[in-house]
């Protein structure tokens, strides 16, 4: 149950498709001493023909990154991600 308690305390602080932006946010949170979690979701859109073959000219993929922090650290995390310093 401890896991579930921690899960419900998480708040989304950043959602982006830009890995560089997520890396900068991670660095800012680490330097500020804020505990965070990053999750990834890949949208792999691979249309298939009737025979089941992938149509390469229509294939595209995107990875969405979501950064979560504890709800008590939300304001500090937003401040750090937006360029604030301690």
PDB file of N, CA and C in Angstrom:
ATOM      1  N   UNK A   1       0.802  -1.198   0.000  1.00  0.00           N
ATOM      2  CA  UNK A   1       0.000   0.000   0.000  1.00  0.00           C
ATOM      3  C   UNK A   1       0.850   1.271   0.000  1.00  0.00           C
ATOM      4  N   UNK A   2       2.103   1.158   0.448  1.00  0.00           N
ATOM      5  CA  UNK A   2       2.970   2.325   0.453  1.00  0.00           C
ATOM      6  C   UNK A   2       3.187   2.832  -0.973  1.00  0.00           C
ATOM      7  N   UNK A   3       3.281   1.907  -1.926  1.00  0.00           N
ATOM      8  CA  UNK A   3       3.443   2.293  -3.327  1.00  0.00           C
ATOM      9  C   UNK A   3       2.245   3.119  -3.803  1.00  0.00           C
ATOM     10  N   UNK A   4       1.053   2.677  -3.467  1.00  0.00           N
ATOM     11  CA  UNK A   4      -0.142   3.398  -3.900  1.00  0.00           C
ATOM     12  C   UNK A   4      -0.222   4.780  -3.272  1.00  0.00           C
ATOM     13  N   UNK A   5       0.191   4.897  -2.032  1.00  0.00           N
ATOM     14  CA  UNK A   5       0.181   6.208  -1.383  1.00  0.00           C
ATOM     15  C   UNK A   5       1.114   7.164  -2.119  1.00  0.00           C
ATOM     16  N   UNK A   6       2.288   6.683  -2.514  1.00  0.00           N
ATOM     17  CA  UNK A   6       3.222   7.506  -3.275  1.00  0.00           C
ATOM     18  C   UNK A   6       2.705   7.840  -4.657  1.00  0.00           C
ATOM     19  N   UNK A   7       2.003   6.904  -5.264  1.00  0.00           N
ATOM     20  CA  UNK A   7       1.460   7.118  -6.605  1.00  0.00           C
ATOM     21  C   UNK A   7       0.454   8.266  -6.617  1.00  0.00           C
ATOM     22  N   UNK A   8      -0.396   8.323  -5.623  1.00  0.00           N
ATOM     23  CA  UNK A   8      -1.419   9.359  -5.587  1.00  0.00           C
ATOM     24  C   UNK A   8      -0.876  10.714  -5.146  1.00  0.00           C
ATOM     25  N   UNK A   9       0.361  10.758  -4.674  1.00  0.00           N
ATOM     26  CA  UNK A   9       0.977  12.030  -4.307  1.00  0.00           C
ATOM     27  C   UNK A   9       1.709  12.662  -5.489  1.00  0.00           C
ATOM     28  N   UNK A  10       1.857  11.926  -6.593  1.00  0.00           N
ATOM     29  CA  UNK A  10       2.583  12.451  -7.748  1.00  0.00           C
ATOM     30  C   UNK A  10       1.755  13.495  -8.490  1.00  0.00           C
ATOM     31  N   UNK A  11       2.451  14.522  -8.971  1.00  0.00           N
ATOM     32  CA  UNK A  11       1.811  15.556  -9.780  1.00  0.00           C
ATOM     33  C   UNK A  11       2.645  15.765 -11.041  1.00  0.00           C
ATOM     34  N   UNK A  12       1.964  15.951 -12.155  1.00  0.00           N
ATOM     35  CA  UNK A  12       2.631  16.179 -13.435  1.00  0.00           C
ATOM     36  C   UNK A  12       3.182  17.595 -13.456  1.00  0.00           C
ATOM     37  N   UNK A  13       4.488  17.704 -13.699  1.00  0.00           N
ATOM     38  CA  UNK A  13       5.111  19.020 -13.740  1.00  0.00           C
ATOM     39  C   UNK A  13       5.550  19.376 -15.160  1.00  0.00           C
ATOM     40  N   UNK A  14       5.752  18.372 -16.025  1.00  0.00           N
ATOM     41  CA  UNK A  14       6.175  18.633 -17.400  1.00  0.00           C
ATOM     42  C   UNK A  14       5.754  17.473 -18.284  1.00  0.00           C
ATOM     43  N   UNK A  15       5.229  17.792 -19.445  1.00  0.00           N
ATOM     44  CA  UNK A  15       4.909  16.802 -20.464  1.00  0.00           C
ATOM     45  C   UNK A  15       5.435  17.344 -21.781  1.00  0.00           C
ATOM     46  N   UNK A  16       6.297  16.567 -22.461  1.00  0.00           N
ATOM     47  CA  UNK A  16       6.946  17.083 -23.659  1.00  0.00           C
ATOM     48  C   UNK A  16       7.354  15.950 -24.590  1.00  0.00           C
ATOM     49  N   UNK A  17       7.457  16.278 -25.870  1.00  0.00           N
ATOM     50  CA  UNK A  17       8.004  15.358 -26.861  1.00  0.00           C
ATOM     51  C   UNK A  17       9.483  15.653 -27.111  1.00  0.00           C
ATOM     52  N   UNK A  18      10.026  16.671 -26.466  1.00  0.00           N
ATOM     53  CA  UNK A  18      11.403  17.109 -26.668  1.00  0.00           C
ATOM     54  C   UNK A  18      12.314  16.514 -25.593  1.00  0.00           C
ATOM     55  N   UNK A  19      13.177  15.581 -25.990  1.00  0.00           N
ATOM     56  CA  UNK A  19      14.066  14.912 -25.039  1.00  0.00           C
ATOM     57  C   UNK A  19      15.068  15.888 -24.424  1.00  0.00           C
ATOM     58  N   UNK A  20      15.488  16.896 -25.172  1.00  0.00           N
ATOM     59  CA  UNK A  20      16.438  17.883 -24.654  1.00  0.00           C
ATOM     60  C   UNK A  20      15.788  18.706 -23.537  1.00  0.00           C
ATOM     61  N   UNK A  21      14.534  19.091 -23.715  1.00  0.00           N
ATOM     62  CA  UNK A  21      13.812  19.844 -22.689  1.00  0.00           C
ATOM     63  C   UNK A  21      13.646  19.007 -21.424  1.00  0.00           C
ATOM     64  N   UNK A  22      13.357  17.729 -21.588  1.00  0.00           N
ATOM     65  CA  UNK A  22      13.201  16.838 -20.436  1.00  0.00           C
ATOM     66  C   UNK A  22      14.538  16.663 -19.719  1.00  0.00           C
ATOM     67  N   UNK A  23      15.622  16.548 -20.480  1.00  0.00           N
ATOM     68  CA  UNK A  23      16.947  16.413 -19.867  1.00  0.00           C
ATOM     69  C   UNK A  23      17.300  17.659 -19.057  1.00  0.00           C
ATOM     70  N   UNK A  24      16.977  18.838 -19.579  1.00  0.00           N
ATOM     71  CA  UNK A  24      17.244  20.080 -18.848  1.00  0.00           C
ATOM     72  C   UNK A  24      16.411  20.142 -17.567  1.00  0.00           C
ATOM     73  N   UNK A  25      15.166  19.701 -17.646  1.00  0.00           N
ATOM     74  CA  UNK A  25      14.303  19.682 -16.457  1.00  0.00           C
ATOM     75  C   UNK A  25      14.836  18.703 -15.421  1.00  0.00           C
ATOM     76  N   UNK A  26      15.284  17.542 -15.875  1.00  0.00           N
ATOM     77  CA  UNK A  26      15.850  16.552 -14.951  1.00  0.00           C
ATOM     78  C   UNK A  26      17.069  17.115 -14.236  1.00  0.00           C
ATOM     79  N   UNK A  27      17.931  17.790 -14.995  1.00  0.00           N
ATOM     80  CA  UNK A  27      19.141  18.353 -14.392  1.00  0.00           C
ATOM     81  C   UNK A  27      18.778  19.420 -13.354  1.00  0.00           C
ATOM     82  N   UNK A  28      17.811  20.272 -13.687  1.00  0.00           N
ATOM     83  CA  UNK A  28      17.396  21.320 -12.746  1.00  0.00           C
ATOM     84  C   UNK A  28      16.814  20.714 -11.474  1.00  0.00           C
ATOM     85  N   UNK A  29      16.012  19.672 -11.618  1.00  0.00           N
ATOM     86  CA  UNK A  29      15.413  19.030 -10.443  1.00  0.00           C
ATOM     87  C   UNK A  29      16.468  18.321  -9.599  1.00  0.00           C
ATOM     88  N   UNK A  30      17.434  17.672 -10.257  1.00  0.00           N
ATOM     89  CA  UNK A  30      18.512  17.005  -9.514  1.00  0.00           C
ATOM     90  C   UNK A  30      19.334  18.018  -8.734  1.00  0.00           C
ATOM     91  N   UNK A  31      19.682  19.136  -9.376  1.00  0.00           N
ATOM     92  CA  UNK A  31      20.474  20.162  -8.697  1.00  0.00           C
ATOM     93  C   UNK A  31      19.702  20.792  -7.539  1.00  0.00           C
ATOM     94  N   UNK A  32      18.379  20.844  -7.657  1.00  0.00           N
ATOM     95  CA  UNK A  32      17.552  21.409  -6.595  1.00  0.00           C
ATOM     96  C   UNK A  32      17.190  20.413  -5.512  1.00  0.00           C
ATOM     97  N   UNK A  33      17.578  19.148  -5.692  1.00  0.00           N
ATOM     98  CA  UNK A  33      17.299  18.126  -4.688  1.00  0.00           C
ATOM     99  C   UNK A  33      15.857  17.661  -4.655  1.00  0.00           C
ATOM    100  N   UNK A  34      15.154  17.782  -5.781  1.00  0.00           N
ATOM    101  CA  UNK A  34      13.752  17.379  -5.861  1.00  0.00           C
ATOM    102  C   UNK A  34      13.673  15.971  -6.445  1.00  0.00           C
ATOM    103  N   UNK A  35      12.978  15.086  -5.746  1.00  0.00           N
ATOM    104  CA  UNK A  35      12.787  13.721  -6.236  1.00  0.00           C
ATOM    105  C   UNK A  35      11.744  13.745  -7.351  1.00  0.00           C
ATOM    106  N   UNK A  36      12.018  13.018  -8.445  1.00  0.00           N
ATOM    107  CA  UNK A  36      11.111  13.033  -9.586  1.00  0.00           C
ATOM    108  C   UNK A  36      11.055  11.663 -10.247  1.00  0.00           C
ATOM    109  N   UNK A  37      10.033  11.474 -11.074  1.00  0.00           N
ATOM    110  CA  UNK A  37       9.850  10.255 -11.856  1.00  0.00           C
ATOM    111  C   UNK A  37       9.609  10.670 -13.297  1.00  0.00           C
ATOM    112  N   UNK A  38      10.176   9.918 -14.232  1.00  0.00           N
ATOM    113  CA  UNK A  38       9.962  10.182 -15.653  1.00  0.00           C
ATOM    114  C   UNK A  38       9.331   8.950 -16.275  1.00  0.00           C
ATOM    115  N   UNK A  39       8.265   9.155 -17.020  1.00  0.00           N
ATOM    116  CA  UNK A  39       7.663   8.047 -17.756  1.00  0.00           C
ATOM    117  C   UNK A  39       7.674   8.391 -19.236  1.00  0.00           C
ATOM    118  N   UNK A  40       7.715   7.348 -20.061  1.00  0.00           N
ATOM    119  CA  UNK A  40       7.735   7.518 -21.508  1.00  0.00           C
ATOM    120  C   UNK A  40       6.570   6.770 -22.119  1.00  0.00           C
ATOM    121  N   UNK A  41       6.006   7.358 -23.144  1.00  0.00           N
ATOM    122  CA  UNK A  41       4.949   6.692 -23.899  1.00  0.00           C
ATOM    123  C   UNK A  41       5.259   6.897 -25.377  1.00  0.00           C
ATOM    124  N   UNK A  42       5.403   5.806 -26.107  1.00  0.00           N
ATOM    125  CA  UNK A  42       5.708   5.887 -27.528  1.00  0.00           C
ATOM    126  C   UNK A  42       4.456   5.644 -28.342  1.00  0.00           C
ATOM    127  N   UNK A  43       4.147   6.612 -29.189  1.00  0.00           N
ATOM    128  CA  UNK A  43       3.053   6.460 -30.142  1.00  0.00           C
ATOM    129  C   UNK A  43       3.659   5.910 -31.421  1.00  0.00           C
ATOM    130  N   UNK A  44       3.507   4.649 -31.632  1.00  0.00           N
ATOM    131  CA  UNK A  44       4.093   4.006 -32.800  1.00  0.00           C
ATOM    132  C   UNK A  44       2.984   3.766 -33.813  1.00  0.00           C
ATOM    133  N   UNK A  45       2.822   4.698 -34.697  1.00  0.00           N
ATOM    134  CA  UNK A  45       1.767   4.605 -35.697  1.00  0.00           C
ATOM    135  C   UNK A  45       2.327   3.921 -36.936  1.00  0.00           C
ATOM    136  N   UNK A  46       2.031   2.671 -37.095  1.00  0.00           N
ATOM    137  CA  UNK A  46       2.547   1.915 -38.227  1.00  0.00           C
ATOM    138  C   UNK A  46       1.379   1.345 -39.020  1.00  0.00           C
ATOM    139  N   UNK A  47       0.864   2.110 -39.972  1.00  0.00           N
ATOM    140  CA  UNK A  47      -0.246   1.608 -40.766  1.00  0.00           C
ATOM    141  C   UNK A  47       0.160   0.362 -41.539  1.00  0.00           C
ATOM    142  N   UNK A  48      -0.741  -0.542 -41.662  1.00  0.00           N
ATOM    143  CA  UNK A  48      -0.449  -1.795 -42.350  1.00  0.00           C
ATOM    144  C   UNK A  48      -1.379  -1.957 -43.542  1.00  0.00           C
ATOM    145  N   UNK A  49      -0.848  -2.641 -44.525  1.00  0.00           N
ATOM    146  CA  UNK A  49      -1.660  -2.937 -45.698  1.00  0.00           C
ATOM    147  C   UNK A  49      -2.582  -4.104 -45.378  1.00  0.00           C
ATOM    148  N   UNK A  50      -3.414  -4.450 -46.320  1.00  0.00           N
ATOM    149  CA  UNK A  50      -4.353  -5.551 -46.125  1.00  0.00           C
ATOM    150  C   UNK A  50      -3.612  -6.855 -45.853  1.00  0.00           C
ATOM    151  N   UNK A  51      -2.430  -7.016 -46.441  1.00  0.00           N
ATOM    152  CA  UNK A  51      -1.666  -8.251 -46.245  1.00  0.00           C
ATOM    153  C   UNK A  51      -0.894  -8.260 -44.931  1.00  0.00           C
ATOM    154  N   UNK A  52      -0.912  -7.147 -44.190  1.00  0.00           N
ATOM    155  CA  UNK A  52      -0.240  -7.095 -42.897  1.00  0.00           C
ATOM    156  C   UNK A  52       1.138  -6.483 -42.937  1.00  0.00           C
ATOM    157  N   UNK A  53       1.614  -6.099 -44.115  1.00  0.00           N
ATOM    158  CA  UNK A  53       2.936  -5.490 -44.222  1.00  0.00           C
ATOM    159  C   UNK A  53       2.881  -4.027 -43.788  1.00  0.00           C
ATOM    160  N   UNK A  54       3.962  -3.586 -43.166  1.00  0.00           N
ATOM    161  CA  UNK A  54       4.048  -2.190 -42.741  1.00  0.00           C
ATOM    162  C   UNK A  54       4.300  -1.320 -43.962  1.00  0.00           C
ATOM    163  N   UNK A  55       3.589  -0.214 -44.039  1.00  0.00           N
ATOM    164  CA  UNK A  55       3.780   0.729 -45.131  1.00  0.00           C
ATOM    165  C   UNK A  55       4.793   1.779 -44.677  1.00  0.00           C
ATOM    166  N   UNK A  56       6.066   1.656 -45.083  1.00  0.00           N
ATOM    167  CA  UNK A  56       7.129   2.505 -44.538  1.00  0.00           C
ATOM    168  C   UNK A  56       6.953   3.987 -44.832  1.00  0.00           C
ATOM    169  N   UNK A  57       6.322   4.341 -45.911  1.00  0.00           N
ATOM    170  CA  UNK A  57       6.184   5.752 -46.243  1.00  0.00           C
ATOM    171  C   UNK A  57       5.160   6.459 -45.358  1.00  0.00           C
ATOM    172  N   UNK A  58       4.374   5.713 -44.604  1.00  0.00           N
ATOM    173  CA  UNK A  58       3.398   6.297 -43.692  1.00  0.00           C
ATOM    174  C   UNK A  58       3.800   6.153 -42.222  1.00  0.00           C
ATOM    175  N   UNK A  59       4.949   5.541 -41.971  1.00  0.00           N
ATOM    176  CA  UNK A  59       5.363   5.238 -40.605  1.00  0.00           C
ATOM    177  C   UNK A  59       5.934   6.478 -39.918  1.00  0.00           C
ATOM    178  N   UNK A  60       5.482   6.727 -38.715  1.00  0.00           N
ATOM    179  CA  UNK A  60       6.060   7.784 -37.880  1.00  0.00           C
ATOM    180  C   UNK A  60       5.917   7.357 -36.427  1.00  0.00           C
ATOM    181  N   UNK A  61       6.829   7.790 -35.621  1.00  0.00           N
ATOM    182  CA  UNK A  61       6.788   7.438 -34.203  1.00  0.00           C
ATOM    183  C   UNK A  61       7.146   8.673 -33.385  1.00  0.00           C
ATOM    184  N   UNK A  62       6.578   8.772 -32.210  1.00  0.00           N
ATOM    185  CA  UNK A  62       6.865   9.889 -31.318  1.00  0.00           C
ATOM    186  C   UNK A  62       6.876   9.370 -29.888  1.00  0.00           C
ATOM    187  N   UNK A  63       7.777   9.914 -29.087  1.00  0.00           N
ATOM    188  CA  UNK A  63       7.857   9.540 -27.681  1.00  0.00           C
ATOM    189  C   UNK A  63       7.477  10.743 -26.829  1.00  0.00           C
ATOM    190  N   UNK A  64       6.488  10.542 -25.977  1.00  0.00           N
ATOM    191  CA  UNK A  64       6.070  11.592 -25.055  1.00  0.00           C
ATOM    192  C   UNK A  64       6.680  11.301 -23.688  1.00  0.00           C
ATOM    193  N   UNK A  65       7.310  12.302 -23.108  1.00  0.00           N
ATOM    194  CA  UNK A  65       7.922  12.183 -21.791  1.00  0.00           C
ATOM    195  C   UNK A  65       7.066  12.944 -20.785  1.00  0.00           C
ATOM    196  N   UNK A  66       6.835  12.333 -19.633  1.00  0.00           N
ATOM    197  CA  UNK A  66       6.090  12.981 -18.554  1.00  0.00           C
ATOM    198  C   UNK A  66       6.955  12.966 -17.303  1.00  0.00           C
ATOM    199  N   UNK A  67       7.116  14.126 -16.681  1.00  0.00           N
ATOM    200  CA  UNK A  67       7.920  14.255 -15.468  1.00  0.00           C
ATOM    201  C   UNK A  67       6.967  14.539 -14.310  1.00  0.00           C
ATOM    202  N   UNK A  68       7.069  13.718 -13.270  1.00  0.00           N
ATOM    203  CA  UNK A  68       6.214  13.841 -12.091  1.00  0.00           C
ATOM    204  C   UNK A  68       7.067  14.153 -10.869  1.00  0.00           C
ATOM    205  N   UNK A  69       6.487  14.896  -9.935  1.00  0.00           N
ATOM    206  CA  UNK A  69       7.127  15.173  -8.646  1.00  0.00           C
ATOM    207  C   UNK A  69       6.101  14.953  -7.542  1.00  0.00           C
ATOM    208  N   UNK A  70       6.577  14.892  -6.306  1.00  0.00           N
ATOM    209  CA  UNK A  70       5.676  14.804  -5.160  1.00  0.00           C
ATOM    210  C   UNK A  70       4.877  16.105  -5.075  1.00  0.00           C
ATOM    211  N   UNK A  71       3.620  15.995  -4.665  1.00  0.00           N
ATOM    212  CA  UNK A  71       2.750  17.181  -4.658  1.00  0.00           C
ATOM    213  C   UNK A  71       3.264  18.282  -3.739  1.00  0.00           C
ATOM    214  N   UNK A  72       4.030  17.934  -2.713  1.00  0.00           N
ATOM    215  CA  UNK A  72       4.591  18.945  -1.815  1.00  0.00           C
ATOM    216  C   UNK A  72       5.737  19.718  -2.469  1.00  0.00           C
ATOM    217  N   UNK A  73       6.340  19.155  -3.516  1.00  0.00           N
ATOM    218  CA  UNK A  73       7.464  19.788  -4.206  1.00  0.00           C
ATOM    219  C   UNK A  73       7.058  20.437  -5.524  1.00  0.00           C
ATOM    220  N   UNK A  74       5.777  20.497  -5.820  1.00  0.00           N
ATOM    221  CA  UNK A  74       5.312  20.964  -7.128  1.00  0.00           C
ATOM    222  C   UNK A  74       5.738  22.399  -7.426  1.00  0.00           C
ATOM    223  N   UNK A  75       5.528  23.314  -6.502  1.00  0.00           N
ATOM    224  CA  UNK A  75       5.874  24.720  -6.749  1.00  0.00           C
ATOM    225  C   UNK A  75       7.374  24.898  -6.929  1.00  0.00           C
ATOM    226  N   UNK A  76       8.169  24.233  -6.102  1.00  0.00           N
ATOM    227  CA  UNK A  76       9.622  24.311  -6.230  1.00  0.00           C
ATOM    228  C   UNK A  76      10.068  23.734  -7.569  1.00  0.00           C
ATOM    229  N   UNK A  77       9.489  22.610  -7.971  1.00  0.00           N
ATOM    230  CA  UNK A  77       9.852  21.981  -9.241  1.00  0.00           C
ATOM    231  C   UNK A  77       9.524  22.893 -10.421  1.00  0.00           C
ATOM    232  N   UNK A  78       8.356  23.515 -10.406  1.00  0.00           N
ATOM    233  CA  UNK A  78       7.989  24.436 -11.487  1.00  0.00           C
ATOM    234  C   UNK A  78       8.953  25.617 -11.539  1.00  0.00           C
ATOM    235  N   UNK A  79       9.328  26.121 -10.376  1.00  0.00           N
ATOM    236  CA  UNK A  79      10.272  27.233 -10.302  1.00  0.00           C
ATOM    237  C   UNK A  79      11.624  26.836 -10.897  1.00  0.00           C
ATOM    238  N   UNK A  80      12.131  25.672 -10.525  1.00  0.00           N
ATOM    239  CA  UNK A  80      13.433  25.218 -11.013  1.00  0.00           C
ATOM    240  C   UNK A  80      13.412  24.950 -12.513  1.00  0.00           C
ATOM    241  N   UNK A  81      12.350  24.326 -12.998  1.00  0.00           N
ATOM    242  CA  UNK A  81      12.257  24.003 -14.426  1.00  0.00           C
ATOM    243  C   UNK A  81      12.179  25.273 -15.266  1.00  0.00           C
ATOM    244  N   UNK A  82      11.555  26.308 -14.737  1.00  0.00           N
ATOM    245  CA  UNK A  82      11.417  27.562 -15.484  1.00  0.00           C
ATOM    246  C   UNK A  82      12.621  28.486 -15.328  1.00  0.00           C
ATOM    247  N   UNK A  83      13.737  27.957 -14.833  1.00  0.00           N
ATOM    248  CA  UNK A  83      14.977  28.726 -14.793  1.00  0.00           C
ATOM    249  C   UNK A  83      15.334  29.319 -13.456  1.00  0.00           C
ATOM    250  N   UNK A  84      14.575  29.041 -12.436  1.00  0.00           N
ATOM    251  CA  UNK A  84      14.887  29.573 -11.114  1.00  0.00           C
ATOM    252  C   UNK A  84      16.081  28.866 -10.495  1.00  0.00           C
ATOM    253  N   UNK A  85      16.727  29.533  -9.563  1.00  0.00           N
ATOM    254  CA  UNK A  85      17.859  28.937  -8.851  1.00  0.00           C
ATOM    255  C   UNK A  85      17.610  29.027  -7.355  1.00  0.00           C
ATOM    256  N   UNK A  86      18.273  28.151  -6.630  1.00  0.00           N
ATOM    257  CA  UNK A  86      18.139  28.154  -5.167  1.00  0.00           C
ATOM    258  C   UNK A  86      19.149  29.079  -4.534  1.00  0.00           C
TER     259      UNK A  86
END
